[in-house]
Protein backbone atom coordinates (compact mmCIF):
# COMPACT_ATOMS: atom_id res chain seq x y z
CA UNK A 1 -0.02 -0.06 0.06
CA UNK A 2 2.87 2.49 0.92
CA UNK A 3 4.69 1.50 -2.15
CA UNK A 4 1.70 2.27 -4.40
CA UNK A 5 1.07 5.55 -2.71
CA UNK A 6 4.69 6.68 -3.19
CA UNK A 7 4.46 5.68 -6.86
CA UNK A 8 1.29 7.74 -7.11
CA UNK A 9 2.86 10.66 -5.37
CA UNK A 10 5.89 10.71 -7.59
CA UNK A 11 3.79 10.55 -10.69
CA UNK A 12 1.75 13.25 -9.33
CA UNK A 13 4.68 15.43 -8.55
CA UNK A 14 6.11 14.92 -12.00
CA UNK A 15 2.71 16.02 -13.54
CA UNK A 16 2.89 19.09 -11.21
CA UNK A 17 6.26 19.92 -12.37
CA UNK A 18 5.39 19.52 -16.02
CA UNK A 19 2.41 21.72 -15.64
CA UNK A 20 4.48 24.37 -13.84
CA UNK A 21 7.00 24.68 -16.55
C-alpha cells in the first residue's frame, strides 16, 4: 500500500512539475 502511494505521489509530482514549466 505504501509503495503504491509513493509511486502515485511521484507521478503526481512529475505532472505538477510539467504543468509548472
